Structure formats: C-alpha cells, structure tokens
Amino acid sequence: MSDYKREVRRAIQAQTKPFCIVDLISRLEQKGFTDRSIILSELDELYDEGVVGYDRITTHTDGKEVYAFFIKQ
C-alpha cells in the first residue's frame, strides 16, 4: 500500500462525525487529499473490513430518515 493510500485511510478513520460521501471528500480535500478514486476505494475497503458502518443516524422532523457512514467504535 502506498503512503498516500495509507494517509487517506488514516484520515477516513479519524472522522468523528457521521458523513456522506460528499462530506468525506470535502473534508479530505481540505487536508490535501484530492484523489477521489483512492478516497472511495479506501472507504470501500474500510467498509468491507467492518471498520466503517452505514446506517440510519437520525430522523428529521418531517419524518425522513437520514443515513450516513460512520466509524465503528
């Protein structure tokens, strides 16, 4: 695994709030990680490994459910 991929993986694992893909890309781009294909690839791998989850995180007042990725503790 390249150093860049390793750093992207660490940056994803450092997320403390639930996120959607757009949020994640934006957050990582602010840290200098701009290769979206690597970001998505690492997110997929972390999900497959069980490090990242995806589930309902809340329900809006209008009754719509909100789903997001999150780092499992």
N, C-alpha and C. Protein backbone atom coordinates (compact mmCIF):
# COMPACT_ATOMS: atom_id res chain seq x y z
N MET A 1 0.85 -1.18 0.00
CA MET A 1 0.00 0.00 0.00
C MET A 1 0.90 1.24 0.00
N SER A 2 0.56 2.19 -0.85
CA SER A 2 1.36 3.41 -0.94
C SER A 2 1.14 4.29 0.30
N ASP A 3 2.08 5.19 0.53
CA ASP A 3 1.96 6.11 1.66
C ASP A 3 0.70 6.97 1.53
N TYR A 4 0.39 7.39 0.30
CA TYR A 4 -0.79 8.22 0.07
C TYR A 4 -2.06 7.47 0.49
N LYS A 5 -2.18 6.22 0.06
CA LYS A 5 -3.35 5.43 0.42
C LYS A 5 -3.43 5.24 1.93
N ARG A 6 -2.30 5.00 2.54
CA ARG A 6 -2.25 4.82 3.99
C ARG A 6 -2.73 6.08 4.71
N GLU A 7 -2.30 7.24 4.22
CA GLU A 7 -2.70 8.51 4.83
C GLU A 7 -4.20 8.78 4.62
N VAL A 8 -4.71 8.45 3.44
CA VAL A 8 -6.14 8.59 3.18
C VAL A 8 -6.92 7.70 4.13
N ARG A 9 -6.47 6.49 4.29
CA ARG A 9 -7.13 5.53 5.19
C ARG A 9 -7.15 6.08 6.62
N ARG A 10 -6.05 6.62 7.07
CA ARG A 10 -5.98 7.19 8.42
C ARG A 10 -6.92 8.39 8.55
N ALA A 11 -6.97 9.21 7.50
CA ALA A 11 -7.84 10.39 7.53
C ALA A 11 -9.31 9.98 7.60
N ILE A 12 -9.67 8.93 6.90
CA ILE A 12 -11.06 8.43 6.98
C ILE A 12 -11.33 7.91 8.38
N GLN A 13 -10.42 7.13 8.92
CA GLN A 13 -10.62 6.56 10.26
C GLN A 13 -10.64 7.63 11.34
N ALA A 14 -10.11 8.81 11.06
CA ALA A 14 -10.08 9.89 12.04
C ALA A 14 -11.40 10.67 12.10
N GLN A 15 -12.35 10.33 11.24
CA GLN A 15 -13.63 11.03 11.24
C GLN A 15 -14.37 10.76 12.54
N THR A 16 -14.82 11.81 13.19
CA THR A 16 -15.50 11.67 14.47
C THR A 16 -17.01 11.85 14.35
N LYS A 17 -17.47 12.40 13.22
CA LYS A 17 -18.89 12.62 12.99
C LYS A 17 -19.34 11.78 11.81
N PRO A 18 -20.60 11.34 11.81
CA PRO A 18 -21.13 10.63 10.64
C PRO A 18 -20.97 11.49 9.38
N PHE A 19 -20.86 10.81 8.22
CA PHE A 19 -20.59 11.55 6.99
C PHE A 19 -21.22 10.86 5.80
N CYS A 20 -21.55 11.66 4.79
CA CYS A 20 -21.92 11.12 3.49
C CYS A 20 -20.67 11.22 2.61
N ILE A 21 -20.72 10.66 1.44
CA ILE A 21 -19.54 10.65 0.58
C ILE A 21 -19.10 12.06 0.23
N VAL A 22 -20.05 12.94 -0.06
CA VAL A 22 -19.70 14.32 -0.40
C VAL A 22 -18.98 15.00 0.76
N ASP A 23 -19.49 14.78 1.98
CA ASP A 23 -18.83 15.35 3.16
C ASP A 23 -17.41 14.83 3.30
N LEU A 24 -17.25 13.53 3.15
CA LEU A 24 -15.93 12.92 3.30
C LEU A 24 -14.95 13.49 2.28
N ILE A 25 -15.35 13.56 1.04
CA ILE A 25 -14.46 14.09 0.01
C ILE A 25 -14.09 15.53 0.32
N SER A 26 -15.06 16.32 0.71
CA SER A 26 -14.79 17.72 1.06
C SER A 26 -13.82 17.83 2.23
N ARG A 27 -14.07 17.06 3.27
CA ARG A 27 -13.19 17.10 4.45
C ARG A 27 -11.76 16.70 4.09
N LEU A 28 -11.63 15.64 3.28
CA LEU A 28 -10.28 15.18 2.94
C LEU A 28 -9.59 16.11 1.97
N GLU A 29 -10.35 16.73 1.06
CA GLU A 29 -9.73 17.70 0.14
C GLU A 29 -9.16 18.88 0.91
N GLN A 30 -9.81 19.27 2.00
CA GLN A 30 -9.30 20.35 2.83
C GLN A 30 -7.97 19.97 3.48
N LYS A 31 -7.72 18.68 3.61
CA LYS A 31 -6.46 18.20 4.18
C LYS A 31 -5.43 17.87 3.11
N GLY A 32 -5.78 18.12 1.84
CA GLY A 32 -4.82 17.90 0.75
C GLY A 32 -4.97 16.58 0.02
N PHE A 33 -5.97 15.78 0.37
CA PHE A 33 -6.20 14.51 -0.32
C PHE A 33 -7.22 14.74 -1.42
N THR A 34 -6.76 14.76 -2.66
CA THR A 34 -7.62 15.15 -3.77
C THR A 34 -7.96 14.03 -4.74
N ASP A 35 -7.39 12.87 -4.56
CA ASP A 35 -7.65 11.76 -5.47
C ASP A 35 -8.92 11.04 -5.03
N ARG A 36 -10.03 11.40 -5.67
CA ARG A 36 -11.33 10.87 -5.26
C ARG A 36 -11.44 9.37 -5.44
N SER A 37 -10.81 8.84 -6.46
CA SER A 37 -10.90 7.39 -6.68
C SER A 37 -10.22 6.63 -5.54
N ILE A 38 -9.13 7.14 -5.03
CA ILE A 38 -8.46 6.49 -3.90
C ILE A 38 -9.29 6.65 -2.63
N ILE A 39 -9.87 7.82 -2.43
CA ILE A 39 -10.72 8.04 -1.25
C ILE A 39 -11.87 7.03 -1.25
N LEU A 40 -12.55 6.90 -2.39
CA LEU A 40 -13.67 5.96 -2.48
C LEU A 40 -13.23 4.52 -2.34
N SER A 41 -12.08 4.20 -2.92
CA SER A 41 -11.55 2.84 -2.82
C SER A 41 -11.23 2.49 -1.36
N GLU A 42 -10.60 3.40 -0.67
CA GLU A 42 -10.25 3.15 0.74
C GLU A 42 -11.51 3.08 1.60
N LEU A 43 -12.50 3.92 1.31
CA LEU A 43 -13.77 3.85 2.03
C LEU A 43 -14.42 2.48 1.83
N ASP A 44 -14.42 2.00 0.59
CA ASP A 44 -14.97 0.67 0.30
C ASP A 44 -14.23 -0.42 1.08
N GLU A 45 -12.92 -0.35 1.09
CA GLU A 45 -12.13 -1.36 1.80
C GLU A 45 -12.42 -1.33 3.30
N LEU A 46 -12.48 -0.12 3.86
CA LEU A 46 -12.75 0.01 5.30
C LEU A 46 -14.16 -0.50 5.63
N TYR A 47 -15.11 -0.27 4.72
CA TYR A 47 -16.46 -0.79 4.92
C TYR A 47 -16.45 -2.32 4.88
N ASP A 48 -15.76 -2.88 3.88
CA ASP A 48 -15.68 -4.35 3.75
C ASP A 48 -14.99 -4.98 4.96
N GLU A 49 -14.04 -4.27 5.56
CA GLU A 49 -13.31 -4.77 6.72
C GLU A 49 -14.10 -4.59 8.02
N GLY A 50 -15.22 -3.89 7.95
CA GLY A 50 -16.04 -3.69 9.13
C GLY A 50 -15.63 -2.51 10.00
N VAL A 51 -14.73 -1.69 9.51
CA VAL A 51 -14.26 -0.51 10.26
C VAL A 51 -15.27 0.63 10.12
N VAL A 52 -15.86 0.74 8.94
CA VAL A 52 -16.85 1.77 8.64
C VAL A 52 -18.22 1.12 8.54
N GLY A 53 -19.21 1.77 9.13
CA GLY A 53 -20.58 1.29 9.03
C GLY A 53 -21.43 2.28 8.25
N TYR A 54 -22.62 1.85 7.89
CA TYR A 54 -23.59 2.71 7.20
C TYR A 54 -24.95 2.36 7.76
N ASP A 55 -25.62 3.35 8.33
CA ASP A 55 -26.90 3.07 8.96
C ASP A 55 -27.68 4.37 9.16
N ARG A 56 -28.91 4.22 9.62
CA ARG A 56 -29.74 5.38 9.94
C ARG A 56 -29.15 6.06 11.16
N ILE A 57 -28.93 7.37 11.05
CA ILE A 57 -28.34 8.09 12.18
C ILE A 57 -29.35 9.00 12.87
N THR A 58 -30.43 9.36 12.17
CA THR A 58 -31.44 10.23 12.77
C THR A 58 -32.67 10.25 11.89
N THR A 59 -33.70 10.85 12.41
CA THR A 59 -34.92 11.09 11.65
C THR A 59 -35.25 12.57 11.74
N HIS A 60 -35.45 13.21 10.59
CA HIS A 60 -35.81 14.62 10.56
C HIS A 60 -37.21 14.82 11.11
N THR A 61 -37.51 16.06 11.45
CA THR A 61 -38.84 16.39 11.95
C THR A 61 -39.93 16.13 10.91
N ASP A 62 -39.55 16.09 9.62
CA ASP A 62 -40.53 15.80 8.58
C ASP A 62 -40.74 14.30 8.39
N GLY A 63 -40.07 13.49 9.21
CA GLY A 63 -40.25 12.04 9.16
C GLY A 63 -39.28 11.31 8.27
N LYS A 64 -38.47 12.04 7.51
CA LYS A 64 -37.50 11.39 6.62
C LYS A 64 -36.30 10.89 7.43
N GLU A 65 -35.90 9.68 7.13
CA GLU A 65 -34.74 9.10 7.82
C GLU A 65 -33.46 9.56 7.13
N VAL A 66 -32.41 9.73 7.92
CA VAL A 66 -31.11 10.15 7.41
C VAL A 66 -30.12 9.02 7.65
N TYR A 67 -29.46 8.60 6.59
CA TYR A 67 -28.45 7.56 6.67
C TYR A 67 -27.08 8.16 6.41
N ALA A 68 -26.04 7.60 7.03
CA ALA A 68 -24.68 8.10 6.84
C ALA A 68 -23.68 7.01 7.17
N PHE A 69 -22.46 7.23 6.71
CA PHE A 69 -21.33 6.38 7.10
C PHE A 69 -20.84 6.87 8.46
N PHE A 70 -20.21 5.97 9.19
CA PHE A 70 -19.61 6.33 10.48
C PHE A 70 -18.50 5.34 10.80
N ILE A 71 -17.60 5.75 11.63
CA ILE A 71 -16.51 4.88 12.06
C ILE A 71 -17.00 4.09 13.25
N LYS A 72 -16.92 2.77 13.15
CA LYS A 72 -17.37 1.92 14.25
C LYS A 72 -16.37 2.01 15.39
N GLN A 73 -16.89 2.02 16.60
CA GLN A 73 -16.03 2.12 17.79
C GLN A 73 -15.76 0.78 18.38
